[in-house]
Amino acid sequence: MSMTFTRTEHAEGRVLSIHMTGVNTAAQSLANAPKLGQRVRDNGYSGLIMNYQGCRFDHTVGQFTKVAEALNEALPEAVRIAYVYDDGNLMHAAYITRLLSRSGRPVRAFESLELALAYAQNGS
């Protein structure tokens, strides 16, 4: 199953949500990280939701570390990042959240889009 992306703006255009479905490869993640950072910067988003519900990863631990480094470099420091997970990718969401939080980024993982949106909008 190939990867699909659905982008949605929330909170009067302050939060970008990207819902990924299908199989996400490490090469896709590494290629998309700088593009995502540029989109966030260009549009002045203060929050970012990465919705993994329905997404599966082929990433190794080392590749996820490289993706986290690429996101850390690409995204503005103050952007609140929320990951939404399901049973099949909870560990992926938890791992990348931990990696990004080590650099002081505001980032958390949630089991629902509603909770992620509340966090991405105002940090709660």
PDB file of N, CA and C in Angstrom:
ATOM      1  N   MET A   1       0.844  -1.177   0.000  1.00  0.00           N
ATOM      2  CA  MET A   1       0.000   0.000   0.000  1.00  0.00           C
ATOM      3  C   MET A   1       0.889   1.240   0.000  1.00  0.00           C
ATOM      4  N   SER A   2       0.649   2.135  -0.934  1.00  0.00           N
ATOM      5  CA  SER A   2       1.467   3.339  -1.018  1.00  0.00           C
ATOM      6  C   SER A   2       1.020   4.376   0.006  1.00  0.00           C
ATOM      7  N   MET A   3       1.870   5.342   0.206  1.00  0.00           N
ATOM      8  CA  MET A   3       1.638   6.393   1.186  1.00  0.00           C
ATOM      9  C   MET A   3       0.752   7.490   0.619  1.00  0.00           C
ATOM     10  N   THR A   4      -0.214   7.948   1.411  1.00  0.00           N
ATOM     11  CA  THR A   4      -1.005   9.115   1.037  1.00  0.00           C
ATOM     12  C   THR A   4      -0.951  10.122   2.181  1.00  0.00           C
ATOM     13  N   PHE A   5      -1.046  11.398   1.822  1.00  0.00           N
ATOM     14  CA  PHE A   5      -1.024  12.496   2.787  1.00  0.00           C
ATOM     15  C   PHE A   5      -2.285  13.330   2.610  1.00  0.00           C
ATOM     16  N   THR A   6      -2.893  13.697   3.714  1.00  0.00           N
ATOM     17  CA  THR A   6      -4.003  14.642   3.686  1.00  0.00           C
ATOM     18  C   THR A   6      -3.613  15.796   4.600  1.00  0.00           C
ATOM     19  N   ARG A   7      -3.593  17.011   4.052  1.00  0.00           N
ATOM     20  CA  ARG A   7      -3.234  18.194   4.847  1.00  0.00           C
ATOM     21  C   ARG A   7      -4.498  18.974   5.180  1.00  0.00           C
ATOM     22  N   THR A   8      -4.606  19.392   6.430  1.00  0.00           N
ATOM     23  CA  THR A   8      -5.747  20.181   6.886  1.00  0.00           C
ATOM     24  C   THR A   8      -5.237  21.276   7.803  1.00  0.00           C
ATOM     25  N   GLU A   9      -5.810  22.461   7.674  1.00  0.00           N
ATOM     26  CA  GLU A   9      -5.492  23.545   8.602  1.00  0.00           C
ATOM     27  C   GLU A   9      -6.570  23.626   9.666  1.00  0.00           C
ATOM     28  N   HIS A  10      -6.159  23.930  10.891  1.00  0.00           N
ATOM     29  CA  HIS A  10      -7.061  24.085  12.036  1.00  0.00           C
ATOM     30  C   HIS A  10      -6.750  25.416  12.721  1.00  0.00           C
ATOM     31  N   ALA A  11      -7.591  25.782  13.665  1.00  0.00           N
ATOM     32  CA  ALA A  11      -7.348  26.955  14.519  1.00  0.00           C
ATOM     33  C   ALA A  11      -7.086  28.203  13.681  1.00  0.00           C
ATOM     34  N   GLU A  12      -7.991  28.452  12.742  1.00  0.00           N
ATOM     35  CA  GLU A  12      -7.895  29.637  11.883  1.00  0.00           C
ATOM     36  C   GLU A  12      -6.541  29.727  11.176  1.00  0.00           C
ATOM     37  N   GLY A  13      -6.051  28.571  10.727  1.00  0.00           N
ATOM     38  CA  GLY A  13      -4.815  28.536   9.956  1.00  0.00           C
ATOM     39  C   GLY A  13      -3.542  28.536  10.766  1.00  0.00           C
ATOM     40  N   ARG A  14      -3.623  28.367  12.083  1.00  0.00           N
ATOM     41  CA  ARG A  14      -2.417  28.384  12.920  1.00  0.00           C
ATOM     42  C   ARG A  14      -1.798  26.999  13.105  1.00  0.00           C
ATOM     43  N   VAL A  15      -2.595  25.951  12.828  1.00  0.00           N
ATOM     44  CA  VAL A  15      -2.133  24.578  13.040  1.00  0.00           C
ATOM     45  C   VAL A  15      -2.282  23.790  11.750  1.00  0.00           C
ATOM     46  N   LEU A  16      -1.228  23.105  11.358  1.00  0.00           N
ATOM     47  CA  LEU A  16      -1.254  22.222  10.200  1.00  0.00           C
ATOM     48  C   LEU A  16      -1.341  20.787  10.688  1.00  0.00           C
ATOM     49  N   SER A  17      -2.262  20.038  10.109  1.00  0.00           N
ATOM     50  CA  SER A  17      -2.397  18.618  10.412  1.00  0.00           C
ATOM     51  C   SER A  17      -2.095  17.829   9.148  1.00  0.00           C
ATOM     52  N   ILE A  18      -1.254  16.817   9.284  1.00  0.00           N
ATOM     53  CA  ILE A  18      -0.942  15.934   8.165  1.00  0.00           C
ATOM     54  C   ILE A  18      -1.295  14.519   8.588  1.00  0.00           C
ATOM     55  N   HIS A  19      -2.264  13.940   7.878  1.00  0.00           N
ATOM     56  CA  HIS A  19      -2.693  12.570   8.156  1.00  0.00           C
ATOM     57  C   HIS A  19      -2.050  11.670   7.112  1.00  0.00           C
ATOM     58  N   MET A  20      -1.233  10.745   7.590  1.00  0.00           N
ATOM     59  CA  MET A  20      -0.520   9.825   6.705  1.00  0.00           C
ATOM     60  C   MET A  20      -1.163   8.450   6.793  1.00  0.00           C
ATOM     61  N   THR A  21      -1.416   7.852   5.650  1.00  0.00           N
ATOM     62  CA  THR A  21      -1.930   6.487   5.625  1.00  0.00           C
ATOM     63  C   THR A  21      -1.097   5.668   4.650  1.00  0.00           C
ATOM     64  N   GLY A  22      -1.048   4.376   4.887  1.00  0.00           N
ATOM     65  CA  GLY A  22      -0.254   3.493   4.047  1.00  0.00           C
ATOM     66  C   GLY A  22       1.107   3.242   4.668  1.00  0.00           C
ATOM     67  N   VAL A  23       2.030   2.787   3.852  1.00  0.00           N
ATOM     68  CA  VAL A  23       3.377   2.468   4.324  1.00  0.00           C
ATOM     69  C   VAL A  23       4.309   3.640   4.046  1.00  0.00           C
ATOM     70  N   ASN A  24       4.930   4.131   5.102  1.00  0.00           N
ATOM     71  CA  ASN A  24       5.861   5.245   5.007  1.00  0.00           C
ATOM     72  C   ASN A  24       7.278   4.685   5.079  1.00  0.00           C
ATOM     73  N   THR A  25       8.073   5.009   4.089  1.00  0.00           N
ATOM     74  CA  THR A  25       9.464   4.540   4.080  1.00  0.00           C
ATOM     75  C   THR A  25      10.371   5.591   4.713  1.00  0.00           C
ATOM     76  N   ALA A  26      11.515   5.131   5.159  1.00  0.00           N
ATOM     77  CA  ALA A  26      12.494   6.053   5.737  1.00  0.00           C
ATOM     78  C   ALA A  26      12.934   7.083   4.704  1.00  0.00           C
ATOM     79  N   ALA A  27      13.091   6.655   3.453  1.00  0.00           N
ATOM     80  CA  ALA A  27      13.489   7.592   2.395  1.00  0.00           C
ATOM     81  C   ALA A  27      12.451   8.695   2.227  1.00  0.00           C
ATOM     82  N   GLN A  28      11.168   8.344   2.292  1.00  0.00           N
ATOM     83  CA  GLN A  28      10.109   9.356   2.196  1.00  0.00           C
ATOM     84  C   GLN A  28      10.192  10.334   3.363  1.00  0.00           C
ATOM     85  N   SER A  29      10.353   9.803   4.557  1.00  0.00           N
ATOM     86  CA  SER A  29      10.420  10.662   5.744  1.00  0.00           C
ATOM     87  C   SER A  29      11.589  11.635   5.659  1.00  0.00           C
ATOM     88  N   LEU A  30      12.746  11.139   5.258  1.00  0.00           N
ATOM     89  CA  LEU A  30      13.929  12.007   5.167  1.00  0.00           C
ATOM     90  C   LEU A  30      13.772  13.055   4.069  1.00  0.00           C
ATOM     91  N   ALA A  31      13.155  12.684   2.957  1.00  0.00           N
ATOM     92  CA  ALA A  31      12.943  13.637   1.866  1.00  0.00           C
ATOM     93  C   ALA A  31      11.894  14.679   2.232  1.00  0.00           C
ATOM     94  N   ASN A  32      10.897  14.291   3.000  1.00  0.00           N
ATOM     95  CA  ASN A  32       9.791  15.201   3.319  1.00  0.00           C
ATOM     96  C   ASN A  32      10.073  16.130   4.497  1.00  0.00           C
ATOM     97  N   ALA A  33      11.011  15.798   5.360  1.00  0.00           N
ATOM     98  CA  ALA A  33      11.286  16.624   6.541  1.00  0.00           C
ATOM     99  C   ALA A  33      11.641  18.066   6.173  1.00  0.00           C
ATOM    100  N   PRO A  34      12.575  18.312   5.243  1.00  0.00           N
ATOM    101  CA  PRO A  34      12.885  19.709   4.899  1.00  0.00           C
ATOM    102  C   PRO A  34      11.708  20.425   4.237  1.00  0.00           C
ATOM    103  N   LYS A  35      10.949  19.707   3.430  1.00  0.00           N
ATOM    104  CA  LYS A  35       9.772  20.303   2.781  1.00  0.00           C
ATOM    105  C   LYS A  35       8.735  20.702   3.823  1.00  0.00           C
ATOM    106  N   LEU A  36       8.543  19.840   4.810  1.00  0.00           N
ATOM    107  CA  LEU A  36       7.592  20.139   5.872  1.00  0.00           C
ATOM    108  C   LEU A  36       8.043  21.358   6.667  1.00  0.00           C
ATOM    109  N   GLY A  37       9.316  21.408   7.001  1.00  0.00           N
ATOM    110  CA  GLY A  37       9.844  22.566   7.716  1.00  0.00           C
ATOM    111  C   GLY A  37       9.632  23.852   6.941  1.00  0.00           C
ATOM    112  N   GLN A  38       9.856  23.811   5.643  1.00  0.00           N
ATOM    113  CA  GLN A  38       9.658  24.996   4.809  1.00  0.00           C
ATOM    114  C   GLN A  38       8.195  25.411   4.776  1.00  0.00           C
ATOM    115  N   ARG A  39       7.289  24.442   4.670  1.00  0.00           N
ATOM    116  CA  ARG A  39       5.847  24.740   4.662  1.00  0.00           C
ATOM    117  C   ARG A  39       5.423  25.391   5.973  1.00  0.00           C
ATOM    118  N   VAL A  40       5.924  24.860   7.083  1.00  0.00           N
ATOM    119  CA  VAL A  40       5.586  25.408   8.401  1.00  0.00           C
ATOM    120  C   VAL A  40       6.110  26.843   8.518  1.00  0.00           C
ATOM    121  N   ARG A  41       7.326  27.068   8.086  1.00  0.00           N
ATOM    122  CA  ARG A  41       7.918  28.414   8.139  1.00  0.00           C
ATOM    123  C   ARG A  41       7.167  29.381   7.221  1.00  0.00           C
ATOM    124  N   ASP A  42       6.943  28.965   5.982  1.00  0.00           N
ATOM    125  CA  ASP A  42       6.298  29.847   4.998  1.00  0.00           C
ATOM    126  C   ASP A  42       4.901  30.276   5.428  1.00  0.00           C
ATOM    127  N   ASN A  43       4.181  29.380   6.106  1.00  0.00           N
ATOM    128  CA  ASN A  43       2.803  29.668   6.500  1.00  0.00           C
ATOM    129  C   ASN A  43       2.670  30.163   7.937  1.00  0.00           C
ATOM    130  N   GLY A  44       3.771  30.184   8.670  1.00  0.00           N
ATOM    131  CA  GLY A  44       3.756  30.692  10.036  1.00  0.00           C
ATOM    132  C   GLY A  44       2.935  29.859  11.003  1.00  0.00           C
ATOM    133  N   TYR A  45       2.895  28.548  10.800  1.00  0.00           N
ATOM    134  CA  TYR A  45       2.133  27.690  11.719  1.00  0.00           C
ATOM    135  C   TYR A  45       2.780  27.685  13.100  1.00  0.00           C
ATOM    136  N   SER A  46       1.948  27.678  14.142  1.00  0.00           N
ATOM    137  CA  SER A  46       2.468  27.573  15.505  1.00  0.00           C
ATOM    138  C   SER A  46       2.319  26.156  16.047  1.00  0.00           C
ATOM    139  N   GLY A  47       1.547  25.316  15.353  1.00  0.00           N
ATOM    140  CA  GLY A  47       1.353  23.938  15.763  1.00  0.00           C
ATOM    141  C   GLY A  47       1.360  23.010  14.566  1.00  0.00           C
ATOM    142  N   LEU A  48       1.812  21.776  14.802  1.00  0.00           N
ATOM    143  CA  LEU A  48       1.883  20.762  13.760  1.00  0.00           C
ATOM    144  C   LEU A  48       1.388  19.444  14.329  1.00  0.00           C
ATOM    145  N   ILE A  49       0.447  18.831  13.629  1.00  0.00           N
ATOM    146  CA  ILE A  49      -0.054  17.517  14.023  1.00  0.00           C
ATOM    147  C   ILE A  49       0.376  16.516  12.961  1.00  0.00           C
ATOM    148  N   MET A  50       1.069  15.480  13.392  1.00  0.00           N
ATOM    149  CA  MET A  50       1.440  14.379  12.512  1.00  0.00           C
ATOM    150  C   MET A  50       0.562  13.197  12.910  1.00  0.00           C
ATOM    151  N   ASN A  51      -0.452  12.930  12.103  1.00  0.00           N
ATOM    152  CA  ASN A  51      -1.419  11.887  12.422  1.00  0.00           C
ATOM    153  C   ASN A  51      -0.983  10.580  11.768  1.00  0.00           C
ATOM    154  N   TYR A  52      -0.552   9.628  12.591  1.00  0.00           N
ATOM    155  CA  TYR A  52      -0.080   8.330  12.122  1.00  0.00           C
ATOM    156  C   TYR A  52      -1.193   7.283  12.042  1.00  0.00           C
ATOM    157  N   GLN A  53      -2.428   7.626  12.376  1.00  0.00           N
ATOM    158  CA  GLN A  53      -3.498   6.627  12.372  1.00  0.00           C
ATOM    159  C   GLN A  53      -3.653   6.053  10.966  1.00  0.00           C
ATOM    160  N   GLY A  54      -3.461   4.747  10.831  1.00  0.00           N
ATOM    161  CA  GLY A  54      -3.530   4.095   9.532  1.00  0.00           C
ATOM    162  C   GLY A  54      -2.212   4.081   8.789  1.00  0.00           C
ATOM    163  N   CYS A  55      -1.135   4.473   9.454  1.00  0.00           N
ATOM    164  CA  CYS A  55       0.190   4.539   8.830  1.00  0.00           C
ATOM    165  C   CYS A  55       1.082   3.456   9.439  1.00  0.00           C
ATOM    166  N   ARG A  56       1.904   2.861   8.611  1.00  0.00           N
ATOM    167  CA  ARG A  56       2.896   1.898   9.073  1.00  0.00           C
ATOM    168  C   ARG A  56       4.261   2.352   8.571  1.00  0.00           C
ATOM    169  N   PHE A  57       5.306   2.004   9.305  1.00  0.00           N
ATOM    170  CA  PHE A  57       6.658   2.464   8.997  1.00  0.00           C
ATOM    171  C   PHE A  57       7.582   1.286   8.712  1.00  0.00           C
ATOM    172  N   ASP A  58       8.536   1.507   7.809  1.00  0.00           N
ATOM    173  CA  ASP A  58       9.574   0.504   7.568  1.00  0.00           C
ATOM    174  C   ASP A  58      10.899   0.956   8.184  1.00  0.00           C
ATOM    175  N   HIS A  59      10.882   2.015   8.981  1.00  0.00           N
ATOM    176  CA  HIS A  59      12.077   2.634   9.551  1.00  0.00           C
ATOM    177  C   HIS A  59      12.745   1.727  10.602  1.00  0.00           C
ATOM    178  N   THR A  60      14.060   1.713  10.561  1.00  0.00           N
ATOM    179  CA  THR A  60      14.820   1.123  11.657  1.00  0.00           C
ATOM    180  C   THR A  60      14.958   2.185  12.749  1.00  0.00           C
ATOM    181  N   VAL A  61      15.464   1.792  13.897  1.00  0.00           N
ATOM    182  CA  VAL A  61      15.686   2.754  14.981  1.00  0.00           C
ATOM    183  C   VAL A  61      16.655   3.846  14.521  1.00  0.00           C
ATOM    184  N   GLY A  62      17.724   3.447  13.856  1.00  0.00           N
ATOM    185  CA  GLY A  62      18.694   4.428  13.362  1.00  0.00           C
ATOM    186  C   GLY A  62      18.095   5.395  12.354  1.00  0.00           C
ATOM    187  N   GLN A  63      17.219   4.891  11.498  1.00  0.00           N
ATOM    188  CA  GLN A  63      16.566   5.759  10.518  1.00  0.00           C
ATOM    189  C   GLN A  63      15.610   6.725  11.201  1.00  0.00           C
ATOM    190  N   PHE A  64      14.906   6.264  12.226  1.00  0.00           N
ATOM    191  CA  PHE A  64      14.026   7.175  12.960  1.00  0.00           C
ATOM    192  C   PHE A  64      14.840   8.262  13.640  1.00  0.00           C
ATOM    193  N   THR A  65      16.021   7.923  14.115  1.00  0.00           N
ATOM    194  CA  THR A  65      16.897   8.928  14.718  1.00  0.00           C
ATOM    195  C   THR A  65      17.272   9.981  13.680  1.00  0.00           C
ATOM    196  N   LYS A  66      17.590   9.554  12.464  1.00  0.00           N
ATOM    197  CA  LYS A  66      17.936  10.500  11.399  1.00  0.00           C
ATOM    198  C   LYS A  66      16.734  11.369  11.021  1.00  0.00           C
ATOM    199  N   VAL A  67      15.535  10.790  11.009  1.00  0.00           N
ATOM    200  CA  VAL A  67      14.320  11.562  10.708  1.00  0.00           C
ATOM    201  C   VAL A  67      14.114  12.625  11.787  1.00  0.00           C
ATOM    202  N   ALA A  68      14.288  12.244  13.048  1.00  0.00           N
ATOM    203  CA  ALA A  68      14.138  13.208  14.140  1.00  0.00           C
ATOM    204  C   ALA A  68      15.154  14.338  14.000  1.00  0.00           C
ATOM    205  N   GLU A  69      16.381  14.007  13.641  1.00  0.00           N
ATOM    206  CA  GLU A  69      17.406  15.036  13.448  1.00  0.00           C
ATOM    207  C   GLU A  69      17.023  15.968  12.298  1.00  0.00           C
ATOM    208  N   ALA A  70      16.499  15.399  11.215  1.00  0.00           N
ATOM    209  CA  ALA A  70      16.093  16.216  10.069  1.00  0.00           C
ATOM    210  C   ALA A  70      14.923  17.128  10.436  1.00  0.00           C
ATOM    211  N   LEU A  71      13.953  16.617  11.185  1.00  0.00           N
ATOM    212  CA  LEU A  71      12.827  17.446  11.620  1.00  0.00           C
ATOM    213  C   LEU A  71      13.296  18.532  12.578  1.00  0.00           C
ATOM    214  N   ASN A  72      14.174  18.166  13.477  1.00  0.00           N
ATOM    215  CA  ASN A  72      14.699  19.132  14.444  1.00  0.00           C
ATOM    216  C   ASN A  72      15.394  20.284  13.737  1.00  0.00           C
ATOM    217  N   GLU A  73      16.107  19.979  12.677  1.00  0.00           N
ATOM    218  CA  GLU A  73      16.799  21.003  11.901  1.00  0.00           C
ATOM    219  C   GLU A  73      15.830  21.836  11.062  1.00  0.00           C
ATOM    220  N   ALA A  74      14.792  21.205  10.541  1.00  0.00           N
ATOM    221  CA  ALA A  74      13.895  21.868   9.584  1.00  0.00           C
ATOM    222  C   ALA A  74      12.810  22.727  10.229  1.00  0.00           C
ATOM    223  N   LEU A  75      12.307  22.313  11.383  1.00  0.00           N
ATOM    224  CA  LEU A  75      11.152  22.994  11.978  1.00  0.00           C
ATOM    225  C   LEU A  75      11.573  24.129  12.905  1.00  0.00           C
ATOM    226  N   PRO A  76      10.804  25.220  12.922  1.00  0.00           N
ATOM    227  CA  PRO A  76      11.060  26.293  13.891  1.00  0.00           C
ATOM    228  C   PRO A  76      10.982  25.740  15.325  1.00  0.00           C
ATOM    229  N   GLU A  77      11.817  26.236  16.201  1.00  0.00           N
ATOM    230  CA  GLU A  77      11.918  25.698  17.559  1.00  0.00           C
ATOM    231  C   GLU A  77      10.643  25.797  18.376  1.00  0.00           C
ATOM    232  N   ALA A  78       9.850  26.842  18.172  1.00  0.00           N
ATOM    233  CA  ALA A  78       8.678  27.068  19.015  1.00  0.00           C
ATOM    234  C   ALA A  78       7.428  26.318  18.555  1.00  0.00           C
ATOM    235  N   VAL A  79       7.472  25.676  17.416  1.00  0.00           N
ATOM    236  CA  VAL A  79       6.287  24.975  16.907  1.00  0.00           C
ATOM    237  C   VAL A  79       5.959  23.795  17.813  1.00  0.00           C
ATOM    238  N   ARG A  80       4.712  23.746  18.300  1.00  0.00           N
ATOM    239  CA  ARG A  80       4.254  22.623  19.110  1.00  0.00           C
ATOM    240  C   ARG A  80       3.909  21.469  18.171  1.00  0.00           C
ATOM    241  N   ILE A  81       4.502  20.310  18.435  1.00  0.00           N
ATOM    242  CA  ILE A  81       4.322  19.135  17.583  1.00  0.00           C
ATOM    243  C   ILE A  81       3.530  18.086  18.355  1.00  0.00           C
ATOM    244  N   ALA A  82       2.458  17.611  17.729  1.00  0.00           N
ATOM    245  CA  ALA A  82       1.629  16.561  18.326  1.00  0.00           C
ATOM    246  C   ALA A  82       1.575  15.379  17.368  1.00  0.00           C
ATOM    247  N   TYR A  83       1.876  14.207  17.874  1.00  0.00           N
ATOM    248  CA  TYR A  83       1.756  12.981  17.100  1.00  0.00           C
ATOM    249  C   TYR A  83       0.502  12.247  17.535  1.00  0.00           C
ATOM    250  N   VAL A  84      -0.239  11.724  16.568  1.00  0.00           N
ATOM    251  CA  VAL A  84      -1.424  10.913  16.848  1.00  0.00           C
ATOM    252  C   VAL A  84      -1.104   9.489  16.404  1.00  0.00           C
ATOM    253  N   TYR A  85      -1.297   8.540  17.303  1.00  0.00           N
ATOM    254  CA  TYR A  85      -0.913   7.167  17.027  1.00  0.00           C
ATOM    255  C   TYR A  85      -2.117   6.236  17.085  1.00  0.00           C
ATOM    256  N   ASP A  86      -1.917   5.024  16.574  1.00  0.00           N
ATOM    257  CA  ASP A  86      -2.873   3.934  16.785  1.00  0.00           C
ATOM    258  C   ASP A  86      -2.082   2.741  17.329  1.00  0.00           C
ATOM    259  N   ASP A  87      -2.734   1.629  17.544  1.00  0.00           N
ATOM    260  CA  ASP A  87      -2.059   0.476  18.156  1.00  0.00           C
ATOM    261  C   ASP A  87      -0.855  -0.009  17.352  1.00  0.00           C
ATOM    262  N   GLY A  88      -0.875   0.178  16.044  1.00  0.00           N
ATOM    263  CA  GLY A  88       0.189  -0.328  15.198  1.00  0.00           C
ATOM    264  C   GLY A  88       1.431   0.537  15.147  1.00  0.00           C
ATOM    265  N   ASN A  89       1.369   1.754  15.665  1.00  0.00           N
ATOM    266  CA  ASN A  89       2.538   2.631  15.573  1.00  0.00           C
ATOM    267  C   ASN A  89       2.798   3.437  16.844  1.00  0.00           C
ATOM    268  N   LEU A  90       2.240   3.008  17.946  1.00  0.00           N
ATOM    269  CA  LEU A  90       2.458   3.681  19.223  1.00  0.00           C
ATOM    270  C   LEU A  90       3.951   3.811  19.528  1.00  0.00           C
ATOM    271  N   MET A  91       4.705   2.753  19.315  1.00  0.00           N
ATOM    272  CA  MET A  91       6.131   2.799  19.643  1.00  0.00           C
ATOM    273  C   MET A  91       6.871   3.787  18.738  1.00  0.00           C
ATOM    274  N   HIS A  92       6.480   3.884  17.473  1.00  0.00           N
ATOM    275  CA  HIS A  92       7.102   4.854  16.578  1.00  0.00           C
ATOM    276  C   HIS A  92       6.835   6.280  17.063  1.00  0.00           C
ATOM    277  N   ALA A  93       5.587   6.551  17.419  1.00  0.00           N
ATOM    278  CA  ALA A  93       5.225   7.888  17.900  1.00  0.00           C
ATOM    279  C   ALA A  93       5.950   8.210  19.207  1.00  0.00           C
ATOM    280  N   ALA A  94       6.016   7.236  20.097  1.00  0.00           N
ATOM    281  CA  ALA A  94       6.687   7.458  21.377  1.00  0.00           C
ATOM    282  C   ALA A  94       8.176   7.712  21.173  1.00  0.00           C
ATOM    283  N   TYR A  95       8.797   6.983  20.270  1.00  0.00           N
ATOM    284  CA  TYR A  95      10.232   7.119  20.046  1.00  0.00           C
ATOM    285  C   TYR A  95      10.578   8.474  19.434  1.00  0.00           C
ATOM    286  N   ILE A  96       9.871   8.869  18.398  1.00  0.00           N
ATOM    287  CA  ILE A  96      10.215  10.147  17.765  1.00  0.00           C
ATOM    288  C   ILE A  96       9.871  11.319  18.688  1.00  0.00           C
ATOM    289  N   THR A  97       8.830  11.166  19.490  1.00  0.00           N
ATOM    290  CA  THR A  97       8.488  12.193  20.474  1.00  0.00           C
ATOM    291  C   THR A  97       9.625  12.341  21.482  1.00  0.00           C
ATOM    292  N   ARG A  98      10.139  11.215  21.952  1.00  0.00           N
ATOM    293  CA  ARG A  98      11.248  11.257  22.914  1.00  0.00           C
ATOM    294  C   ARG A  98      12.487  11.898  22.293  1.00  0.00           C
ATOM    295  N   LEU A  99      12.793  11.525  21.048  1.00  0.00           N
ATOM    296  CA  LEU A  99      13.963  12.098  20.380  1.00  0.00           C
ATOM    297  C   LEU A  99      13.837  13.612  20.226  1.00  0.00           C
ATOM    298  N   LEU A 100      12.676  14.079  19.789  1.00  0.00           N
ATOM    299  CA  LEU A 100      12.491  15.519  19.587  1.00  0.00           C
ATOM    300  C   LEU A 100      12.447  16.283  20.914  1.00  0.00           C
ATOM    301  N   SER A 101      11.892  15.676  21.934  1.00  0.00           N
ATOM    302  CA  SER A 101      11.793  16.379  23.221  1.00  0.00           C
ATOM    303  C   SER A 101      13.163  16.552  23.873  1.00  0.00           C
ATOM    304  N   ARG A 102      14.104  15.697  23.548  1.00  0.00           N
ATOM    305  CA  ARG A 102      15.465  15.817  24.097  1.00  0.00           C
ATOM    306  C   ARG A 102      16.112  17.150  23.734  1.00  0.00           C
ATOM    307  N   SER A 103      15.704  17.707  22.606  1.00  0.00           N
ATOM    308  CA  SER A 103      16.280  18.986  22.186  1.00  0.00           C
ATOM    309  C   SER A 103      15.464  20.169  22.697  1.00  0.00           C
ATOM    310  N   GLY A 104      14.525  19.903  23.598  1.00  0.00           N
ATOM    311  CA  GLY A 104      13.758  20.973  24.208  1.00  0.00           C
ATOM    312  C   GLY A 104      12.511  21.377  23.427  1.00  0.00           C
ATOM    313  N   ARG A 105      12.168  20.623  22.413  1.00  0.00           N
ATOM    314  CA  ARG A 105      10.982  20.942  21.613  1.00  0.00           C
ATOM    315  C   ARG A 105       9.700  20.627  22.370  1.00  0.00           C
ATOM    316  N   PRO A 106       8.669  21.446  22.162  1.00  0.00           N
ATOM    317  CA  PRO A 106       7.356  21.115  22.722  1.00  0.00           C
ATOM    318  C   PRO A 106       6.701  20.045  21.844  1.00  0.00           C
ATOM    319  N   VAL A 107       6.705  18.806  22.316  1.00  0.00           N
ATOM    320  CA  VAL A 107       6.197  17.686  21.524  1.00  0.00           C
ATOM    321  C   VAL A 107       5.584  16.632  22.440  1.00  0.00           C
ATOM    322  N   ARG A 108       4.444  16.079  21.997  1.00  0.00           N
ATOM    323  CA  ARG A 108       3.764  15.016  22.748  1.00  0.00           C
ATOM    324  C   ARG A 108       3.053  14.090  21.777  1.00  0.00           C
ATOM    325  N   ALA A 109       2.724  12.890  22.246  1.00  0.00           N
ATOM    326  CA  ALA A 109       1.971  11.918  21.454  1.00  0.00           C
ATOM    327  C   ALA A 109       0.605  11.703  22.102  1.00  0.00           C
ATOM    328  N   PHE A 110      -0.415  11.514  21.263  1.00  0.00           N
ATOM    329  CA  PHE A 110      -1.793  11.385  21.724  1.00  0.00           C
ATOM    330  C   PHE A 110      -2.496  10.254  20.990  1.00  0.00           C
ATOM    331  N   GLU A 111      -3.543   9.741  21.625  1.00  0.00           N
ATOM    332  CA  GLU A 111      -4.321   8.681  20.987  1.00  0.00           C
ATOM    333  C   GLU A 111      -5.513   9.208  20.200  1.00  0.00           C
ATOM    334  N   SER A 112      -5.739  10.523  20.223  1.00  0.00           N
ATOM    335  CA  SER A 112      -6.851  11.072  19.445  1.00  0.00           C
ATOM    336  C   SER A 112      -6.458  12.413  18.821  1.00  0.00           C
ATOM    337  N   LEU A 113      -7.081  12.694  17.699  1.00  0.00           N
ATOM    338  CA  LEU A 113      -6.852  13.956  17.008  1.00  0.00           C
ATOM    339  C   LEU A 113      -7.316  15.131  17.869  1.00  0.00           C
ATOM    340  N   GLU A 114      -8.397  14.969  18.601  1.00  0.00           N
ATOM    341  CA  GLU A 114      -8.929  16.055  19.427  1.00  0.00           C
ATOM    342  C   GLU A 114      -7.927  16.491  20.495  1.00  0.00           C
ATOM    343  N   LEU A 115      -7.317  15.525  21.165  1.00  0.00           N
ATOM    344  CA  LEU A 115      -6.316  15.857  22.187  1.00  0.00           C
ATOM    345  C   LEU A 115      -5.081  16.489  21.555  1.00  0.00           C
ATOM    346  N   ALA A 116      -4.677  15.954  20.402  1.00  0.00           N
ATOM    347  CA  ALA A 116      -3.520  16.515  19.695  1.00  0.00           C
ATOM    348  C   ALA A 116      -3.791  17.946  19.261  1.00  0.00           C
ATOM    349  N   LEU A 117      -4.993  18.217  18.796  1.00  0.00           N
ATOM    350  CA  LEU A 117      -5.336  19.567  18.353  1.00  0.00           C
ATOM    351  C   LEU A 117      -5.317  20.547  19.526  1.00  0.00           C
ATOM    352  N   ALA A 118      -5.835  20.139  20.663  1.00  0.00           N
ATOM    353  CA  ALA A 118      -5.809  21.020  21.847  1.00  0.00           C
ATOM    354  C   ALA A 118      -4.366  21.353  22.209  1.00  0.00           C
ATOM    355  N   TYR A 119      -3.481  20.381  22.165  1.00  0.00           N
ATOM    356  CA  TYR A 119      -2.072  20.615  22.477  1.00  0.00           C
ATOM    357  C   TYR A 119      -1.411  21.508  21.429  1.00  0.00           C
ATOM    358  N   ALA A 120      -1.634  21.208  20.155  1.00  0.00           N
ATOM    359  CA  ALA A 120      -0.998  21.975  19.082  1.00  0.00           C
ATOM    360  C   ALA A 120      -1.467  23.427  19.070  1.00  0.00           C
ATOM    361  N   GLN A 121      -2.707  23.656  19.502  1.00  0.00           N
ATOM    362  CA  GLN A 121      -3.248  25.017  19.532  1.00  0.00           C
ATOM    363  C   GLN A 121      -2.696  25.820  20.677  1.00  0.00           C
ATOM    364  N   ASN A 122      -2.668  25.241  21.876  1.00  0.00           N
ATOM    365  CA  ASN A 122      -2.322  26.062  23.029  1.00  0.00           C
ATOM    366  C   ASN A 122      -1.481  25.354  24.091  1.00  0.00           C
ATOM    367  N   GLY A 123      -0.956  24.194  23.768  1.00  0.00           N
ATOM    368  CA  GLY A 123      -0.058  23.516  24.696  1.00  0.00           C
ATOM    369  C   GLY A 123      -0.723  22.776  25.834  1.00  0.00           C
ATOM    370  N   SER A 124      -2.044  22.616  25.770  1.00  0.00           N
ATOM    371  CA  SER A 124      -2.688  21.879  26.873  1.00  0.00           C
ATOM    372  C   SER A 124      -3.359  20.625  26.385  1.00  0.00           C
TER     373      SER A 124
END
